[in-house]
Amino acid sequence: MTSGSDDHRSGETLSDRLRELLPLGAATQSQFEPAYTILDRLRTIHRAPLRNLRHSLWWIRKTFFTRPRSETPAYLVEMTKPEVVRLFGRHHFEPGWELSYNYLGEVLNLRRVEYHDDKPYEWWQVHVRGYLHDDGGIELSAHFETEPSEHPDAHVSMYGLDVECGMDEIQVVMDEEGVEYTHLSPDEVATVTDSTDRPVDAGGA
């Protein structure tokens, strides 16, 4: 036997129940979507976390983990960002922004993980950042360092960080691919401030 209130509840929609459960004033009628839309989202919720987490991670990185660009040399290449991504992608580089700080002006962030059994730490990476040059092209800076997910303490302490080695690694790639480049000293690289910071998307940066 069911009560009158039970009969009433049996006719409620999902959105009716959500309105009842949410605090008063938390949402207005116009903010509620039809029940079928909510149910559709519930059916595909298993696909949502990774996509949403990736965007949230990108936003948190840009908001809370941004620092000034390092004073290191760079190679200037007359290429677009997609061209640079394809160039290094052919040499086993992948997007690396998820595990690194965001540097002001950064438009490209790639890394190549390497295994070295002759070093105190086995996992290392060649980490490349790209910045738009004032007169066109992209400035590429690189360094060699411990891999952050496998050796977080060593990475944070910058154990073994080697700019010269990283620059040599990307020079080898460019020489093999026949890419022309110009070496820039730290005094010649683009000057970047908060106002010139550019967003980094997930497609290689």
N, C-alpha and C. Protein backbone atom coordinates (compact mmCIF):
# COMPACT_ATOMS: atom_id res chain seq x y z
N MET A 1 0.85 -1.19 0.00
CA MET A 1 0.00 0.00 0.00
C MET A 1 0.88 1.23 0.00
N THR A 2 0.53 2.21 -0.80
CA THR A 2 1.30 3.44 -0.88
C THR A 2 0.44 4.60 -0.43
N SER A 3 1.09 5.61 0.12
CA SER A 3 0.39 6.80 0.58
C SER A 3 0.20 7.76 -0.56
N GLY A 4 -0.59 8.83 -0.27
CA GLY A 4 -0.79 9.85 -1.29
C GLY A 4 0.50 10.54 -1.66
N SER A 5 1.36 10.75 -0.64
CA SER A 5 2.63 11.41 -0.93
C SER A 5 3.50 10.54 -1.79
N ASP A 6 3.45 9.19 -1.60
CA ASP A 6 4.23 8.28 -2.44
C ASP A 6 3.75 8.33 -3.87
N ASP A 7 2.39 8.42 -4.06
CA ASP A 7 1.86 8.53 -5.41
C ASP A 7 2.36 9.80 -6.07
N HIS A 8 2.43 10.86 -5.26
CA HIS A 8 2.90 12.13 -5.83
C HIS A 8 4.35 12.02 -6.26
N ARG A 9 5.18 11.35 -5.41
CA ARG A 9 6.60 11.24 -5.74
C ARG A 9 6.80 10.39 -6.98
N SER A 10 5.95 9.40 -7.18
CA SER A 10 6.14 8.54 -8.34
C SER A 10 5.97 9.30 -9.63
N GLY A 11 5.29 10.45 -9.58
CA GLY A 11 5.11 11.23 -10.79
C GLY A 11 6.12 12.34 -10.96
N GLU A 12 7.06 12.45 -9.99
CA GLU A 12 8.06 13.51 -10.07
C GLU A 12 9.12 13.17 -11.11
N THR A 13 9.65 14.21 -11.71
CA THR A 13 10.76 14.03 -12.63
C THR A 13 12.07 14.17 -11.88
N LEU A 14 13.17 13.81 -12.53
CA LEU A 14 14.48 13.94 -11.91
C LEU A 14 14.79 15.39 -11.56
N SER A 15 14.42 16.31 -12.42
CA SER A 15 14.70 17.72 -12.15
C SER A 15 13.90 18.20 -10.95
N ASP A 16 12.64 17.66 -10.75
CA ASP A 16 11.86 18.01 -9.56
C ASP A 16 12.60 17.59 -8.30
N ARG A 17 13.13 16.38 -8.30
CA ARG A 17 13.84 15.88 -7.12
C ARG A 17 15.10 16.69 -6.87
N LEU A 18 15.82 17.09 -7.93
CA LEU A 18 17.03 17.89 -7.75
C LEU A 18 16.71 19.24 -7.16
N ARG A 19 15.59 19.85 -7.59
CA ARG A 19 15.21 21.15 -7.05
C ARG A 19 14.90 21.04 -5.55
N GLU A 20 14.31 19.91 -5.16
CA GLU A 20 13.97 19.71 -3.76
C GLU A 20 15.21 19.53 -2.90
N LEU A 21 16.22 18.85 -3.46
CA LEU A 21 17.41 18.53 -2.69
C LEU A 21 18.39 19.69 -2.60
N LEU A 22 18.42 20.57 -3.60
CA LEU A 22 19.35 21.69 -3.59
C LEU A 22 18.89 22.75 -2.61
N PRO A 23 19.84 23.49 -1.98
CA PRO A 23 19.47 24.56 -1.04
C PRO A 23 18.64 25.62 -1.74
N LEU A 24 17.75 26.26 -0.96
CA LEU A 24 16.92 27.32 -1.50
C LEU A 24 17.79 28.44 -2.03
N GLY A 25 17.52 28.86 -3.26
CA GLY A 25 18.30 29.94 -3.85
C GLY A 25 19.52 29.47 -4.59
N ALA A 26 19.82 28.16 -4.52
CA ALA A 26 21.01 27.65 -5.20
C ALA A 26 20.86 27.73 -6.70
N ALA A 27 19.63 27.65 -7.19
CA ALA A 27 19.41 27.72 -8.63
C ALA A 27 17.98 28.18 -8.88
N THR A 28 17.76 28.77 -10.02
CA THR A 28 16.42 29.20 -10.40
C THR A 28 15.84 28.22 -11.39
N GLN A 29 14.54 28.35 -11.63
CA GLN A 29 13.88 27.43 -12.56
C GLN A 29 14.54 27.45 -13.92
N SER A 30 14.97 28.62 -14.39
CA SER A 30 15.54 28.72 -15.73
C SER A 30 16.88 28.03 -15.84
N GLN A 31 17.52 27.76 -14.68
CA GLN A 31 18.83 27.13 -14.72
C GLN A 31 18.74 25.61 -14.85
N PHE A 32 17.55 25.05 -14.67
CA PHE A 32 17.40 23.61 -14.76
C PHE A 32 17.18 23.19 -16.20
N GLU A 33 17.88 22.15 -16.60
CA GLU A 33 17.72 21.61 -17.94
C GLU A 33 16.67 20.51 -17.91
N PRO A 34 16.12 20.16 -19.04
CA PRO A 34 15.15 19.05 -19.08
C PRO A 34 15.76 17.77 -18.53
N ALA A 35 14.90 16.92 -17.96
CA ALA A 35 15.38 15.70 -17.33
C ALA A 35 16.15 14.82 -18.30
N TYR A 36 15.73 14.79 -19.57
CA TYR A 36 16.41 13.90 -20.51
C TYR A 36 17.84 14.34 -20.74
N THR A 37 18.12 15.65 -20.66
CA THR A 37 19.49 16.13 -20.81
C THR A 37 20.34 15.66 -19.65
N ILE A 38 19.82 15.75 -18.44
CA ILE A 38 20.56 15.30 -17.27
C ILE A 38 20.84 13.80 -17.35
N LEU A 39 19.82 13.05 -17.77
CA LEU A 39 20.01 11.61 -17.89
C LEU A 39 21.03 11.26 -18.96
N ASP A 40 21.02 12.02 -20.06
CA ASP A 40 22.02 11.80 -21.09
C ASP A 40 23.42 12.00 -20.54
N ARG A 41 23.55 13.03 -19.71
CA ARG A 41 24.87 13.28 -19.13
C ARG A 41 25.27 12.17 -18.17
N LEU A 42 24.30 11.66 -17.41
CA LEU A 42 24.60 10.56 -16.50
C LEU A 42 25.06 9.32 -17.27
N ARG A 43 24.45 9.10 -18.44
CA ARG A 43 24.83 7.92 -19.23
C ARG A 43 26.26 8.03 -19.76
N THR A 44 26.73 9.26 -19.96
CA THR A 44 28.08 9.45 -20.53
C THR A 44 29.05 9.98 -19.48
N ILE A 45 28.69 9.88 -18.20
CA ILE A 45 29.54 10.46 -17.17
C ILE A 45 30.91 9.80 -17.11
N HIS A 46 30.98 8.55 -17.55
CA HIS A 46 32.27 7.85 -17.53
C HIS A 46 33.27 8.50 -18.48
N ARG A 47 32.79 9.29 -19.44
CA ARG A 47 33.71 9.96 -20.36
C ARG A 47 34.05 11.37 -19.90
N ALA A 48 33.32 11.88 -18.94
CA ALA A 48 33.50 13.29 -18.55
C ALA A 48 34.72 13.56 -17.68
N PRO A 49 35.04 12.73 -16.69
CA PRO A 49 36.10 13.11 -15.76
C PRO A 49 37.43 13.44 -16.40
N LEU A 50 37.93 12.60 -17.30
CA LEU A 50 39.25 12.85 -17.88
C LEU A 50 39.27 14.14 -18.69
N ARG A 51 38.21 14.37 -19.48
CA ARG A 51 38.16 15.58 -20.28
C ARG A 51 38.09 16.82 -19.38
N ASN A 52 37.23 16.77 -18.38
CA ASN A 52 37.08 17.91 -17.48
C ASN A 52 38.32 18.11 -16.61
N LEU A 53 38.90 16.99 -16.18
CA LEU A 53 40.10 17.08 -15.36
C LEU A 53 41.24 17.73 -16.13
N ARG A 54 41.37 17.39 -17.39
CA ARG A 54 42.45 17.96 -18.20
C ARG A 54 42.29 19.47 -18.35
N HIS A 55 41.05 19.92 -18.60
CA HIS A 55 40.82 21.35 -18.72
C HIS A 55 41.05 22.04 -17.38
N SER A 56 40.61 21.42 -16.28
CA SER A 56 40.80 22.01 -14.96
C SER A 56 42.27 22.11 -14.62
N LEU A 57 43.03 21.07 -14.97
CA LEU A 57 44.46 21.08 -14.72
C LEU A 57 45.14 22.20 -15.49
N TRP A 58 44.74 22.39 -16.76
CA TRP A 58 45.29 23.47 -17.57
C TRP A 58 45.00 24.83 -16.92
N TRP A 59 43.76 25.01 -16.43
CA TRP A 59 43.37 26.28 -15.83
C TRP A 59 44.13 26.52 -14.54
N ILE A 60 44.25 25.50 -13.69
CA ILE A 60 44.98 25.64 -12.43
C ILE A 60 46.44 25.97 -12.69
N ARG A 61 47.03 25.29 -13.68
CA ARG A 61 48.43 25.54 -14.02
C ARG A 61 48.64 26.98 -14.44
N LYS A 62 47.76 27.49 -15.32
CA LYS A 62 47.89 28.86 -15.81
C LYS A 62 47.66 29.88 -14.70
N THR A 63 46.78 29.54 -13.75
CA THR A 63 46.39 30.50 -12.72
C THR A 63 47.36 30.53 -11.54
N PHE A 64 47.79 29.36 -11.09
CA PHE A 64 48.57 29.29 -9.86
C PHE A 64 50.02 28.87 -10.04
N PHE A 65 50.38 28.36 -11.20
CA PHE A 65 51.74 27.84 -11.39
C PHE A 65 52.42 28.51 -12.58
N THR A 66 52.30 29.81 -12.66
CA THR A 66 52.95 30.59 -13.71
C THR A 66 54.12 31.35 -13.12
N ARG A 67 55.21 31.36 -13.83
CA ARG A 67 56.40 32.08 -13.36
C ARG A 67 57.07 32.76 -14.54
N PRO A 68 57.99 33.70 -14.28
CA PRO A 68 58.69 34.38 -15.38
C PRO A 68 59.53 33.41 -16.19
N ARG A 69 59.75 33.77 -17.43
CA ARG A 69 60.56 32.94 -18.31
C ARG A 69 62.00 32.88 -17.80
N SER A 70 62.60 31.70 -17.91
CA SER A 70 63.99 31.53 -17.48
C SER A 70 64.93 32.29 -18.40
N GLU A 71 66.02 32.74 -17.85
CA GLU A 71 67.03 33.47 -18.64
C GLU A 71 67.99 32.46 -19.26
N THR A 72 67.54 31.84 -20.31
CA THR A 72 68.33 30.83 -21.00
C THR A 72 68.38 31.17 -22.49
N PRO A 73 69.35 30.62 -23.22
CA PRO A 73 69.41 30.87 -24.67
C PRO A 73 68.27 30.16 -25.39
N ALA A 74 68.14 30.46 -26.67
CA ALA A 74 67.07 29.85 -27.47
C ALA A 74 67.51 29.73 -28.92
N TYR A 75 66.82 28.89 -29.66
CA TYR A 75 66.97 28.81 -31.10
C TYR A 75 65.73 29.41 -31.73
N LEU A 76 65.92 30.34 -32.64
CA LEU A 76 64.81 30.95 -33.36
C LEU A 76 64.59 30.21 -34.67
N VAL A 77 63.37 29.71 -34.87
CA VAL A 77 63.03 29.02 -36.11
C VAL A 77 61.87 29.74 -36.77
N GLU A 78 61.92 29.85 -38.10
CA GLU A 78 60.83 30.49 -38.85
C GLU A 78 59.77 29.44 -39.17
N MET A 79 59.06 29.03 -38.15
CA MET A 79 58.04 27.99 -38.28
C MET A 79 56.83 28.39 -37.45
N THR A 80 55.69 27.78 -37.77
CA THR A 80 54.49 27.96 -36.97
C THR A 80 54.49 26.92 -35.84
N LYS A 81 53.63 27.13 -34.88
CA LYS A 81 53.53 26.17 -33.79
C LYS A 81 53.18 24.76 -34.29
N PRO A 82 52.16 24.59 -35.14
CA PRO A 82 51.87 23.23 -35.63
C PRO A 82 53.06 22.59 -36.34
N GLU A 83 53.83 23.37 -37.07
CA GLU A 83 55.00 22.83 -37.76
C GLU A 83 56.05 22.36 -36.75
N VAL A 84 56.24 23.12 -35.68
CA VAL A 84 57.21 22.72 -34.66
C VAL A 84 56.74 21.46 -33.95
N VAL A 85 55.46 21.38 -33.65
CA VAL A 85 54.92 20.19 -32.99
C VAL A 85 55.12 18.95 -33.86
N ARG A 86 54.84 19.08 -35.16
CA ARG A 86 55.04 17.94 -36.06
C ARG A 86 56.52 17.57 -36.15
N LEU A 87 57.38 18.57 -36.20
CA LEU A 87 58.82 18.33 -36.30
C LEU A 87 59.31 17.48 -35.13
N PHE A 88 59.01 17.90 -33.92
CA PHE A 88 59.50 17.18 -32.76
C PHE A 88 58.68 15.93 -32.47
N GLY A 89 57.41 15.94 -32.87
CA GLY A 89 56.61 14.73 -32.71
C GLY A 89 57.19 13.55 -33.47
N ARG A 90 57.79 13.83 -34.61
CA ARG A 90 58.42 12.76 -35.39
C ARG A 90 59.63 12.18 -34.67
N HIS A 91 60.11 12.90 -33.66
CA HIS A 91 61.27 12.43 -32.89
C HIS A 91 60.86 12.08 -31.45
N HIS A 92 59.62 11.65 -31.32
CA HIS A 92 59.10 11.07 -30.07
C HIS A 92 58.91 12.08 -28.94
N PHE A 93 58.73 13.34 -29.29
CA PHE A 93 58.35 14.34 -28.29
C PHE A 93 56.83 14.35 -28.17
N GLU A 94 56.35 14.65 -26.98
CA GLU A 94 54.91 14.69 -26.70
C GLU A 94 54.58 15.94 -25.91
N PRO A 95 53.29 16.32 -25.85
CA PRO A 95 52.91 17.47 -25.01
C PRO A 95 53.34 17.24 -23.56
N GLY A 96 53.94 18.28 -22.96
CA GLY A 96 54.46 18.12 -21.60
C GLY A 96 53.96 19.14 -20.61
N TRP A 97 52.92 19.89 -20.96
CA TRP A 97 52.49 20.98 -20.08
C TRP A 97 51.85 20.50 -18.79
N GLU A 98 51.28 19.28 -18.77
CA GLU A 98 50.58 18.81 -17.58
C GLU A 98 51.49 18.69 -16.37
N LEU A 99 52.78 18.45 -16.58
CA LEU A 99 53.70 18.19 -15.48
C LEU A 99 54.76 19.27 -15.33
N SER A 100 54.44 20.49 -15.75
CA SER A 100 55.44 21.54 -15.67
C SER A 100 54.79 22.88 -15.34
N TYR A 101 55.62 23.81 -14.87
CA TYR A 101 55.16 25.17 -14.66
C TYR A 101 54.82 25.82 -16.01
N ASN A 102 53.95 26.79 -15.95
CA ASN A 102 53.68 27.62 -17.12
C ASN A 102 54.58 28.84 -17.04
N TYR A 103 55.36 29.07 -18.09
CA TYR A 103 56.21 30.25 -18.15
C TYR A 103 55.51 31.34 -18.97
N LEU A 104 55.64 32.57 -18.52
CA LEU A 104 55.00 33.68 -19.22
C LEU A 104 55.40 33.70 -20.69
N GLY A 105 54.40 33.81 -21.56
CA GLY A 105 54.66 33.87 -22.99
C GLY A 105 54.77 32.53 -23.66
N GLU A 106 54.70 31.46 -22.90
CA GLU A 106 54.86 30.11 -23.45
C GLU A 106 53.68 29.75 -24.37
N VAL A 107 54.01 29.27 -25.56
CA VAL A 107 52.97 28.85 -26.50
C VAL A 107 53.14 27.39 -26.91
N LEU A 108 54.20 26.76 -26.43
CA LEU A 108 54.49 25.39 -26.82
C LEU A 108 55.26 24.71 -25.70
N ASN A 109 54.90 23.47 -25.39
CA ASN A 109 55.54 22.74 -24.30
C ASN A 109 55.59 21.27 -24.67
N LEU A 110 56.79 20.75 -24.94
CA LEU A 110 56.96 19.37 -25.38
C LEU A 110 58.06 18.71 -24.57
N ARG A 111 58.01 17.40 -24.52
CA ARG A 111 59.08 16.66 -23.82
C ARG A 111 59.28 15.29 -24.45
N ARG A 112 60.47 14.75 -24.27
CA ARG A 112 60.77 13.38 -24.69
C ARG A 112 61.39 12.66 -23.50
N VAL A 113 60.74 11.60 -23.06
CA VAL A 113 61.22 10.84 -21.91
C VAL A 113 62.29 9.85 -22.36
N GLU A 114 63.36 9.74 -21.57
CA GLU A 114 64.47 8.86 -21.89
C GLU A 114 64.86 8.03 -20.67
N TYR A 115 65.33 6.82 -20.91
CA TYR A 115 65.80 5.94 -19.83
C TYR A 115 67.32 5.87 -19.85
N HIS A 116 67.94 6.11 -18.69
CA HIS A 116 69.40 6.07 -18.58
C HIS A 116 69.76 5.21 -17.36
N ASP A 117 70.32 4.02 -17.61
CA ASP A 117 70.68 3.16 -16.48
C ASP A 117 72.08 3.43 -15.96
N ASP A 118 72.74 4.44 -16.52
CA ASP A 118 74.09 4.79 -16.06
C ASP A 118 74.08 6.03 -15.18
N LYS A 119 72.91 6.48 -14.75
CA LYS A 119 72.79 7.67 -13.91
C LYS A 119 72.12 7.30 -12.59
N PRO A 120 72.28 8.14 -11.56
CA PRO A 120 71.65 7.85 -10.26
C PRO A 120 70.14 7.71 -10.36
N TYR A 121 69.51 8.43 -11.28
CA TYR A 121 68.08 8.30 -11.54
C TYR A 121 67.91 7.79 -12.97
N GLU A 122 66.96 6.85 -13.14
CA GLU A 122 66.84 6.21 -14.45
C GLU A 122 66.07 7.03 -15.47
N TRP A 123 65.01 7.72 -15.03
CA TRP A 123 64.13 8.37 -15.99
C TRP A 123 64.42 9.87 -16.08
N TRP A 124 64.62 10.33 -17.32
CA TRP A 124 64.96 11.73 -17.60
C TRP A 124 64.08 12.22 -18.74
N GLN A 125 64.15 13.51 -19.01
CA GLN A 125 63.40 14.05 -20.13
C GLN A 125 64.13 15.24 -20.74
N VAL A 126 63.95 15.39 -22.04
CA VAL A 126 64.36 16.61 -22.74
C VAL A 126 63.10 17.47 -22.83
N HIS A 127 63.13 18.62 -22.22
CA HIS A 127 61.95 19.47 -22.08
C HIS A 127 62.12 20.73 -22.94
N VAL A 128 61.20 20.93 -23.86
CA VAL A 128 61.27 22.06 -24.79
C VAL A 128 60.10 23.01 -24.55
N ARG A 129 60.41 24.29 -24.49
CA ARG A 129 59.37 25.33 -24.44
C ARG A 129 59.53 26.23 -25.65
N GLY A 130 58.39 26.72 -26.15
CA GLY A 130 58.41 27.63 -27.29
C GLY A 130 57.75 28.95 -26.96
N TYR A 131 58.30 30.03 -27.50
CA TYR A 131 57.77 31.38 -27.29
C TYR A 131 57.72 32.10 -28.63
N LEU A 132 56.71 32.93 -28.81
CA LEU A 132 56.62 33.71 -30.04
C LEU A 132 57.70 34.79 -30.03
N HIS A 133 58.44 34.89 -31.13
CA HIS A 133 59.47 35.90 -31.26
C HIS A 133 58.85 37.23 -31.68
N ASP A 134 59.46 38.33 -31.28
CA ASP A 134 58.92 39.66 -31.56
C ASP A 134 58.73 39.90 -33.05
N ASP A 135 59.64 39.38 -33.87
CA ASP A 135 59.58 39.64 -35.31
C ASP A 135 59.08 38.43 -36.10
N GLY A 136 58.38 37.52 -35.43
CA GLY A 136 57.88 36.33 -36.10
C GLY A 136 58.72 35.10 -35.80
N GLY A 137 58.15 33.95 -36.02
CA GLY A 137 58.86 32.72 -35.70
C GLY A 137 58.67 32.32 -34.25
N ILE A 138 59.31 31.24 -33.87
CA ILE A 138 59.20 30.72 -32.51
C ILE A 138 60.59 30.51 -31.92
N GLU A 139 60.75 30.94 -30.69
CA GLU A 139 61.99 30.72 -29.95
C GLU A 139 61.87 29.41 -29.17
N LEU A 140 62.84 28.55 -29.33
CA LEU A 140 62.83 27.24 -28.66
C LEU A 140 63.93 27.19 -27.60
N SER A 141 63.52 26.97 -26.37
CA SER A 141 64.46 26.77 -25.27
C SER A 141 64.29 25.34 -24.76
N ALA A 142 65.38 24.73 -24.34
CA ALA A 142 65.30 23.34 -23.89
C ALA A 142 66.28 23.07 -22.77
N HIS A 143 65.99 22.04 -22.00
CA HIS A 143 66.89 21.57 -20.96
C HIS A 143 66.68 20.08 -20.74
N PHE A 144 67.67 19.46 -20.15
CA PHE A 144 67.64 18.04 -19.81
C PHE A 144 67.48 17.94 -18.30
N GLU A 145 66.56 17.09 -17.82
CA GLU A 145 66.26 17.04 -16.40
C GLU A 145 65.64 15.71 -16.02
N THR A 146 65.53 15.47 -14.72
CA THR A 146 64.86 14.25 -14.26
C THR A 146 63.38 14.32 -14.59
N GLU A 147 62.79 13.16 -14.84
CA GLU A 147 61.37 13.08 -15.19
C GLU A 147 60.53 13.31 -13.93
N PRO A 148 59.58 14.25 -13.96
CA PRO A 148 58.89 14.69 -12.72
C PRO A 148 57.98 13.67 -12.06
N SER A 149 57.33 12.81 -12.81
CA SER A 149 56.41 11.87 -12.18
C SER A 149 57.13 10.70 -11.54
N GLU A 150 58.27 10.30 -12.09
CA GLU A 150 59.04 9.18 -11.54
C GLU A 150 60.00 9.62 -10.44
N HIS A 151 60.52 10.83 -10.55
CA HIS A 151 61.50 11.33 -9.58
C HIS A 151 61.12 12.76 -9.16
N PRO A 152 59.99 12.92 -8.47
CA PRO A 152 59.50 14.27 -8.15
C PRO A 152 60.45 15.10 -7.28
N ASP A 153 61.05 14.48 -6.27
CA ASP A 153 61.94 15.23 -5.40
C ASP A 153 63.17 15.73 -6.15
N ALA A 154 63.76 14.84 -6.95
CA ALA A 154 64.93 15.23 -7.73
C ALA A 154 64.57 16.31 -8.74
N HIS A 155 63.37 16.20 -9.31
CA HIS A 155 62.93 17.19 -10.30
C HIS A 155 62.76 18.55 -9.66
N VAL A 156 62.08 18.60 -8.53
CA VAL A 156 61.84 19.88 -7.85
C VAL A 156 63.15 20.52 -7.40
N SER A 157 64.09 19.70 -6.96
CA SER A 157 65.39 20.24 -6.53
C SER A 157 66.31 20.55 -7.70
N MET A 158 65.84 20.28 -8.93
CA MET A 158 66.59 20.54 -10.17
C MET A 158 67.89 19.75 -10.24
N TYR A 159 67.86 18.55 -9.66
CA TYR A 159 69.03 17.69 -9.72
C TYR A 159 69.36 17.36 -11.18
N GLY A 160 70.61 17.61 -11.56
CA GLY A 160 71.07 17.24 -12.89
C GLY A 160 70.53 18.08 -14.03
N LEU A 161 69.83 19.17 -13.73
CA LEU A 161 69.27 19.99 -14.82
C LEU A 161 70.40 20.56 -15.67
N ASP A 162 70.29 20.39 -16.98
CA ASP A 162 71.37 20.74 -17.89
C ASP A 162 70.80 21.43 -19.13
N VAL A 163 70.95 22.75 -19.20
CA VAL A 163 70.43 23.51 -20.35
C VAL A 163 71.23 23.21 -21.61
N GLU A 164 72.53 23.13 -21.49
CA GLU A 164 73.37 22.89 -22.67
C GLU A 164 73.04 21.55 -23.32
N CYS A 165 72.83 20.53 -22.49
CA CYS A 165 72.48 19.21 -23.02
C CYS A 165 71.14 19.27 -23.74
N GLY A 166 70.16 19.94 -23.13
CA GLY A 166 68.85 20.05 -23.76
C GLY A 166 68.90 20.78 -25.09
N MET A 167 69.67 21.86 -25.14
CA MET A 167 69.80 22.61 -26.39
C MET A 167 70.51 21.78 -27.46
N ASP A 168 71.50 20.99 -27.05
CA ASP A 168 72.20 20.12 -28.00
C ASP A 168 71.24 19.08 -28.59
N GLU A 169 70.34 18.55 -27.74
CA GLU A 169 69.39 17.53 -28.20
C GLU A 169 68.45 18.07 -29.27
N ILE A 170 67.91 19.27 -29.06
CA ILE A 170 67.00 19.79 -30.08
C ILE A 170 67.75 20.29 -31.30
N GLN A 171 69.02 20.66 -31.14
CA GLN A 171 69.83 21.04 -32.29
C GLN A 171 70.04 19.82 -33.20
N VAL A 172 70.24 18.66 -32.60
CA VAL A 172 70.41 17.43 -33.38
C VAL A 172 69.15 17.16 -34.21
N VAL A 173 67.99 17.34 -33.58
CA VAL A 173 66.73 17.12 -34.29
C VAL A 173 66.61 18.07 -35.48
N MET A 174 66.89 19.33 -35.25
CA MET A 174 66.75 20.33 -36.33
C MET A 174 67.77 20.09 -37.43
N ASP A 175 68.98 19.70 -37.07
CA ASP A 175 69.99 19.42 -38.09
C ASP A 175 69.57 18.21 -38.94
N GLU A 176 69.04 17.18 -38.31
CA GLU A 176 68.61 16.00 -39.05
C GLU A 176 67.45 16.32 -39.99
N GLU A 177 66.61 17.26 -39.60
CA GLU A 177 65.44 17.61 -40.40
C GLU A 177 65.73 18.75 -41.39
N GLY A 178 66.94 19.26 -41.37
CA GLY A 178 67.30 20.35 -42.28
C GLY A 178 66.63 21.67 -41.95
N VAL A 179 66.34 21.91 -40.70
CA VAL A 179 65.68 23.14 -40.28
C VAL A 179 66.73 24.23 -40.01
N GLU A 180 66.50 25.39 -40.58
CA GLU A 180 67.39 26.52 -40.33
C GLU A 180 67.00 27.19 -39.01
N TYR A 181 68.00 27.63 -38.27
CA TYR A 181 67.74 28.24 -36.98
C TYR A 181 68.82 29.28 -36.66
N THR A 182 68.47 30.18 -35.78
CA THR A 182 69.40 31.21 -35.32
C THR A 182 69.54 31.10 -33.82
N HIS A 183 70.78 31.11 -33.34
CA HIS A 183 71.01 31.04 -31.90
C HIS A 183 70.81 32.41 -31.28
N LEU A 184 70.03 32.46 -30.21
CA LEU A 184 69.78 33.71 -29.49
C LEU A 184 70.34 33.59 -28.08
N SER A 185 71.07 34.60 -27.66
CA SER A 185 71.55 34.64 -26.28
C SER A 185 70.39 35.04 -25.36
N PRO A 186 70.53 34.87 -24.05
CA PRO A 186 69.46 35.29 -23.13
C PRO A 186 69.08 36.76 -23.29
N ASP A 187 70.01 37.60 -23.73
CA ASP A 187 69.71 39.02 -23.91
C ASP A 187 68.94 39.29 -25.19
N GLU A 188 68.89 38.32 -26.09
CA GLU A 188 68.24 38.53 -27.39
C GLU A 188 66.85 37.93 -27.48
N VAL A 189 66.45 37.17 -26.50
CA VAL A 189 65.15 36.53 -26.57
C VAL A 189 64.05 37.55 -26.31
N ALA A 190 62.82 37.18 -26.65
CA ALA A 190 61.68 38.08 -26.51
C ALA A 190 61.45 38.44 -25.04
N THR A 191 61.08 39.70 -24.82
CA THR A 191 60.73 40.15 -23.48
C THR A 191 59.25 39.90 -23.26
N VAL A 192 58.94 39.18 -22.19
CA VAL A 192 57.56 38.78 -21.93
C VAL A 192 57.10 39.32 -20.58
N THR A 193 55.92 39.92 -20.57
CA THR A 193 55.31 40.39 -19.33
C THR A 193 53.93 39.76 -19.21
N ASP A 194 53.24 40.07 -18.12
CA ASP A 194 51.90 39.53 -17.93
C ASP A 194 50.99 39.91 -19.08
N SER A 195 51.15 41.12 -19.61
CA SER A 195 50.26 41.59 -20.66
C SER A 195 50.49 40.90 -21.98
N THR A 196 51.67 40.26 -22.16
CA THR A 196 51.95 39.57 -23.41
C THR A 196 51.83 38.06 -23.28
N ASP A 197 51.40 37.62 -22.10
CA ASP A 197 51.22 36.18 -21.91
C ASP A 197 50.14 35.66 -22.86
N ARG A 198 50.40 34.51 -23.44
CA ARG A 198 49.48 33.94 -24.42
C ARG A 198 49.02 32.58 -23.93
N PRO A 199 47.74 32.23 -24.18
CA PRO A 199 47.24 30.95 -23.69
C PRO A 199 47.92 29.77 -24.37
N VAL A 200 48.04 28.70 -23.62
CA VAL A 200 48.62 27.46 -24.13
C VAL A 200 47.51 26.44 -24.27
N ASP A 201 47.30 25.90 -25.45
CA ASP A 201 46.25 24.90 -25.59
C ASP A 201 46.82 23.51 -25.39
N ALA A 202 45.96 22.55 -25.42
CA ALA A 202 46.36 21.19 -25.10
C ALA A 202 47.04 20.47 -26.26
N GLY A 203 47.06 21.07 -27.41
CA GLY A 203 47.60 20.37 -28.57
C GLY A 203 49.08 20.50 -28.72
N GLY A 204 49.81 20.29 -27.68
CA GLY A 204 51.25 20.36 -27.78
C GLY A 204 51.81 21.47 -26.94
N ALA A 205 50.99 22.09 -26.12
CA ALA A 205 51.50 23.15 -25.29
C ALA A 205 50.74 23.25 -24.01
